[in-house]
Amino acid sequence: MSITYRDADIQREIGKVLPLIQAHGLEAYGPEVNVNLASFMLLARNGQLQTYVACEGDKIVGYSLWITSFDLMFEHHTRADEIALYVLPEFRGRPAIKLMRYAEMRLRDSGYTRLARAAKKDSKLHSTLLGLGYGREEVIVFKEF
């Protein structure tokens, strides 16, 4: 079966996306993950969360979630920050890249002029992003209490 790509309404389709969000959290962060669905839904209600999905038939096999806003430092840019990208392991590779490109196309068509994605340095995703034309790198460090 072929993979299709589409915009998703996270408020209506949370039940279809939630298993992937949970799988993503477990894979990336381990059993201590605690997804904040209330914040997801608040952003969605405010029109600040754009969601794009990859589907095999009716089954969602990947998602890309973006927070949209105005760039606070560059007045002439509207900005979208990808906060999560996940594709089931058996669909990684070409379907994941097509989902990434679909999200970019839809955001660009919606008027967003600056896109930001995060990846661990020297990871497969990092090299994929460089291949897709992302290049201005910043290092983000975390301190947790």
C-alpha atoms as a PDB file:
ATOM      1  CA  MET A   1       0.000   0.000   0.000  1.00  0.00           C
ATOM      2  CA  SER A   2       1.275   3.487  -0.768  1.00  0.00           C
ATOM      3  CA  ILE A   3       1.932   6.257   1.726  1.00  0.00           C
ATOM      4  CA  THR A   4      -0.061   9.487   1.486  1.00  0.00           C
ATOM      5  CA  TYR A   5       0.624  12.826   3.186  1.00  0.00           C
ATOM      6  CA  ARG A   6      -1.898  15.305   4.490  1.00  0.00           C
ATOM      7  CA  ASP A   7      -2.648  18.049   6.976  1.00  0.00           C
ATOM      8  CA  ALA A   8      -4.220  16.801  10.196  1.00  0.00           C
ATOM      9  CA  ASP A   9      -6.467  18.424  12.772  1.00  0.00           C
ATOM     10  CA  ILE A  10      -4.776  17.320  15.989  1.00  0.00           C
ATOM     11  CA  GLN A  11      -7.848  18.241  18.028  1.00  0.00           C
ATOM     12  CA  ARG A  12     -10.057  15.818  16.077  1.00  0.00           C
ATOM     13  CA  GLU A  13      -7.408  13.195  15.371  1.00  0.00           C
ATOM     14  CA  ILE A  14      -5.577  13.005  18.684  1.00  0.00           C
ATOM     15  CA  GLY A  15      -6.779   9.430  19.156  1.00  0.00           C
ATOM     16  CA  LYS A  16      -5.031   8.397  15.930  1.00  0.00           C
ATOM     17  CA  VAL A  17      -1.833  10.341  16.658  1.00  0.00           C
ATOM     18  CA  LEU A  18      -1.523   9.592  20.390  1.00  0.00           C
ATOM     19  CA  PRO A  19      -0.105   6.052  19.965  1.00  0.00           C
ATOM     20  CA  LEU A  20       2.702   7.519  17.840  1.00  0.00           C
ATOM     21  CA  ILE A  21       3.316  10.336  20.339  1.00  0.00           C
ATOM     22  CA  GLN A  22       3.643   7.726  23.083  1.00  0.00           C
ATOM     23  CA  ALA A  23       5.936   5.507  20.971  1.00  0.00           C
ATOM     24  CA  HIS A  24       8.047   8.556  20.122  1.00  0.00           C
ATOM     25  CA  GLY A  25       8.368   9.527  23.778  1.00  0.00           C
ATOM     26  CA  LEU A  26       9.368   6.019  24.832  1.00  0.00           C
ATOM     27  CA  GLU A  27      11.916   5.693  22.020  1.00  0.00           C
ATOM     28  CA  ALA A  28      13.470   9.124  22.495  1.00  0.00           C
ATOM     29  CA  TYR A  29      13.215   9.647  26.264  1.00  0.00           C
ATOM     30  CA  GLY A  30      12.435   6.322  27.910  1.00  0.00           C
ATOM     31  CA  PRO A  31       9.716   5.312  30.371  1.00  0.00           C
ATOM     32  CA  GLU A  32       9.919   8.575  32.337  1.00  0.00           C
ATOM     33  CA  VAL A  33       8.375  10.517  29.434  1.00  0.00           C
ATOM     34  CA  ASN A  34       5.302  12.537  30.396  1.00  0.00           C
ATOM     35  CA  VAL A  35       3.687  14.082  27.309  1.00  0.00           C
ATOM     36  CA  ASN A  36       1.850  17.342  27.999  1.00  0.00           C
ATOM     37  CA  LEU A  37      -1.286  16.846  25.900  1.00  0.00           C
ATOM     38  CA  ALA A  38      -3.013  19.833  27.516  1.00  0.00           C
ATOM     39  CA  SER A  39      -0.365  22.130  26.013  1.00  0.00           C
ATOM     40  CA  PHE A  40      -0.699  20.432  22.617  1.00  0.00           C
ATOM     41  CA  MET A  41      -4.438  21.045  22.657  1.00  0.00           C
ATOM     42  CA  LEU A  42      -4.127  24.650  23.875  1.00  0.00           C
ATOM     43  CA  LEU A  43      -1.732  25.450  21.023  1.00  0.00           C
ATOM     44  CA  ALA A  44      -4.043  23.711  18.557  1.00  0.00           C
ATOM     45  CA  ARG A  45      -7.095  25.670  19.789  1.00  0.00           C
ATOM     46  CA  ASN A  46      -5.113  28.900  19.420  1.00  0.00           C
ATOM     47  CA  GLY A  47      -4.189  28.020  15.834  1.00  0.00           C
ATOM     48  CA  GLN A  48      -0.491  27.765  16.695  1.00  0.00           C
ATOM     49  CA  LEU A  49       0.025  24.048  16.124  1.00  0.00           C
ATOM     50  CA  GLN A  50       0.280  22.715  12.600  1.00  0.00           C
ATOM     51  CA  THR A  51       0.221  18.943  12.192  1.00  0.00           C
ATOM     52  CA  TYR A  52       1.147  16.927   9.116  1.00  0.00           C
ATOM     53  CA  VAL A  53       0.862  13.164   8.861  1.00  0.00           C
ATOM     54  CA  ALA A  54       1.970  10.244   6.734  1.00  0.00           C
ATOM     55  CA  CYS A  55      -0.704   7.578   6.292  1.00  0.00           C
ATOM     56  CA  GLU A  56      -0.910   4.055   5.029  1.00  0.00           C
ATOM     57  CA  GLY A  57      -4.593   3.807   4.224  1.00  0.00           C
ATOM     58  CA  ASP A  58      -6.433   5.116   7.298  1.00  0.00           C
ATOM     59  CA  LYS A  59      -3.501   4.392   9.634  1.00  0.00           C
ATOM     60  CA  ILE A  60      -1.239   7.304  10.602  1.00  0.00           C
ATOM     61  CA  VAL A  61       2.359   6.072  10.434  1.00  0.00           C
ATOM     62  CA  GLY A  62       4.189   9.357  11.049  1.00  0.00           C
ATOM     63  CA  TYR A  63       3.651  12.912  12.178  1.00  0.00           C
ATOM     64  CA  SER A  64       5.330  16.298  12.133  1.00  0.00           C
ATOM     65  CA  LEU A  65       4.190  18.902  14.694  1.00  0.00           C
ATOM     66  CA  TRP A  66       5.018  22.595  14.338  1.00  0.00           C
ATOM     67  CA  ILE A  67       4.473  25.608  16.592  1.00  0.00           C
ATOM     68  CA  THR A  68       3.856  28.702  14.474  1.00  0.00           C
ATOM     69  CA  SER A  69       4.467  32.310  15.465  1.00  0.00           C
ATOM     70  CA  PHE A  70       6.060  35.565  14.455  1.00  0.00           C
ATOM     71  CA  ASP A  71       9.828  35.648  14.776  1.00  0.00           C
ATOM     72  CA  LEU A  72      10.501  37.892  17.759  1.00  0.00           C
ATOM     73  CA  MET A  73      13.914  39.006  16.487  1.00  0.00           C
ATOM     74  CA  PHE A  74      13.110  39.449  12.803  1.00  0.00           C
ATOM     75  CA  GLU A  75       9.855  41.337  12.256  1.00  0.00           C
ATOM     76  CA  HIS A  76       9.550  40.424   8.572  1.00  0.00           C
ATOM     77  CA  HIS A  77       9.544  36.653   9.232  1.00  0.00           C
ATOM     78  CA  THR A  78       6.793  34.342  10.277  1.00  0.00           C
ATOM     79  CA  ARG A  79       8.300  31.326  11.953  1.00  0.00           C
ATOM     80  CA  ALA A  80       7.516  27.658  12.415  1.00  0.00           C
ATOM     81  CA  ASP A  81       9.428  25.444  14.834  1.00  0.00           C
ATOM     82  CA  GLU A  82       9.133  21.698  14.511  1.00  0.00           C
ATOM     83  CA  ILE A  83       8.606  20.348  17.995  1.00  0.00           C
ATOM     84  CA  ALA A  84       8.226  16.702  17.072  1.00  0.00           C
ATOM     85  CA  LEU A  85       8.865  14.458  14.111  1.00  0.00           C
ATOM     86  CA  TYR A  86       8.228  10.740  14.346  1.00  0.00           C
ATOM     87  CA  VAL A  87       7.752   7.964  11.836  1.00  0.00           C
ATOM     88  CA  LEU A  88       7.219   4.335  12.783  1.00  0.00           C
ATOM     89  CA  PRO A  89      10.497   2.422  12.323  1.00  0.00           C
ATOM     90  CA  GLU A  90       9.214   0.339   9.402  1.00  0.00           C
ATOM     91  CA  PHE A  91       8.361   3.547   7.476  1.00  0.00           C
ATOM     92  CA  ARG A  92      11.590   5.477   8.045  1.00  0.00           C
ATOM     93  CA  GLY A  93      13.720   6.531   5.116  1.00  0.00           C
ATOM     94  CA  ARG A  94      11.992   7.835   1.993  1.00  0.00           C
ATOM     95  CA  PRO A  95       8.495   8.144   3.603  1.00  0.00           C
ATOM     96  CA  ALA A  96       9.971  10.195   6.472  1.00  0.00           C
ATOM     97  CA  ILE A  97      11.775  12.532   4.081  1.00  0.00           C
ATOM     98  CA  LYS A  98       8.611  12.935   2.031  1.00  0.00           C
ATOM     99  CA  LEU A  99       6.722  13.852   5.221  1.00  0.00           C
ATOM    100  CA  MET A 100       9.403  16.420   6.065  1.00  0.00           C
ATOM    101  CA  ARG A 101       9.173  17.939   2.592  1.00  0.00           C
ATOM    102  CA  TYR A 102       5.372  17.910   2.670  1.00  0.00           C
ATOM    103  CA  ALA A 103       5.385  19.845   5.957  1.00  0.00           C
ATOM    104  CA  GLU A 104       7.860  22.368   4.538  1.00  0.00           C
ATOM    105  CA  MET A 105       5.757  22.858   1.402  1.00  0.00           C
ATOM    106  CA  ARG A 106       2.541  23.371   3.380  1.00  0.00           C
ATOM    107  CA  LEU A 107       4.185  25.818   5.786  1.00  0.00           C
ATOM    108  CA  ARG A 108       5.770  27.767   2.935  1.00  0.00           C
ATOM    109  CA  ASP A 109       2.403  27.851   1.125  1.00  0.00           C
ATOM    110  CA  SER A 110       0.835  29.196   4.335  1.00  0.00           C
ATOM    111  CA  GLY A 111       3.307  32.102   4.374  1.00  0.00           C
ATOM    112  CA  TYR A 112       5.913  30.939   6.877  1.00  0.00           C
ATOM    113  CA  THR A 113       9.326  32.258   5.868  1.00  0.00           C
ATOM    114  CA  ARG A 114      11.555  30.762   8.567  1.00  0.00           C
ATOM    115  CA  LEU A 115      11.540  27.102   9.573  1.00  0.00           C
ATOM    116  CA  ALA A 116      13.496  25.620  12.460  1.00  0.00           C
ATOM    117  CA  ARG A 117      14.131  21.967  13.215  1.00  0.00           C
ATOM    118  CA  ALA A 118      16.263  20.384  15.903  1.00  0.00           C
ATOM    119  CA  ALA A 119      18.467  17.307  15.702  1.00  0.00           C
ATOM    120  CA  LYS A 120      21.287  15.898  17.760  1.00  0.00           C
ATOM    121  CA  LYS A 121      24.603  16.816  16.165  1.00  0.00           C
ATOM    122  CA  ASP A 122      26.037  14.122  13.898  1.00  0.00           C
ATOM    123  CA  SER A 123      22.828  12.050  14.020  1.00  0.00           C
ATOM    124  CA  LYS A 124      21.171  10.587  10.935  1.00  0.00           C
ATOM    125  CA  LEU A 125      18.459  13.270  11.237  1.00  0.00           C
ATOM    126  CA  HIS A 126      21.131  15.982  11.444  1.00  0.00           C
ATOM    127  CA  SER A 127      22.761  14.849   8.202  1.00  0.00           C
ATOM    128  CA  THR A 128      19.317  14.517   6.567  1.00  0.00           C
ATOM    129  CA  LEU A 129      18.476  18.108   7.529  1.00  0.00           C
ATOM    130  CA  LEU A 130      21.757  19.353   6.089  1.00  0.00           C
ATOM    131  CA  GLY A 131      20.906  17.492   2.867  1.00  0.00           C
ATOM    132  CA  LEU A 132      17.498  19.210   2.790  1.00  0.00           C
ATOM    133  CA  GLY A 133      19.144  22.647   2.891  1.00  0.00           C
ATOM    134  CA  TYR A 134      19.099  23.443   6.595  1.00  0.00           C
ATOM    135  CA  GLY A 135      22.391  24.959   7.532  1.00  0.00           C
ATOM    136  CA  ARG A 136      22.373  27.703  10.067  1.00  0.00           C
ATOM    137  CA  GLU A 137      23.244  25.804  13.212  1.00  0.00           C
ATOM    138  CA  GLU A 138      22.930  26.835  16.808  1.00  0.00           C
ATOM    139  CA  VAL A 139      23.749  24.812  19.864  1.00  0.00           C
ATOM    140  CA  ILE A 140      21.053  24.508  22.493  1.00  0.00           C
ATOM    141  CA  VAL A 141      22.068  23.388  25.931  1.00  0.00           C
ATOM    142  CA  PHE A 142      19.738  22.293  28.710  1.00  0.00           C
ATOM    143  CA  LYS A 143      19.855  22.602  32.463  1.00  0.00           C
ATOM    144  CA  GLU A 144      17.276  20.740  34.452  1.00  0.00           C
ATOM    145  CA  PHE A 145      16.365  21.077  38.118  1.00  0.00           C
END
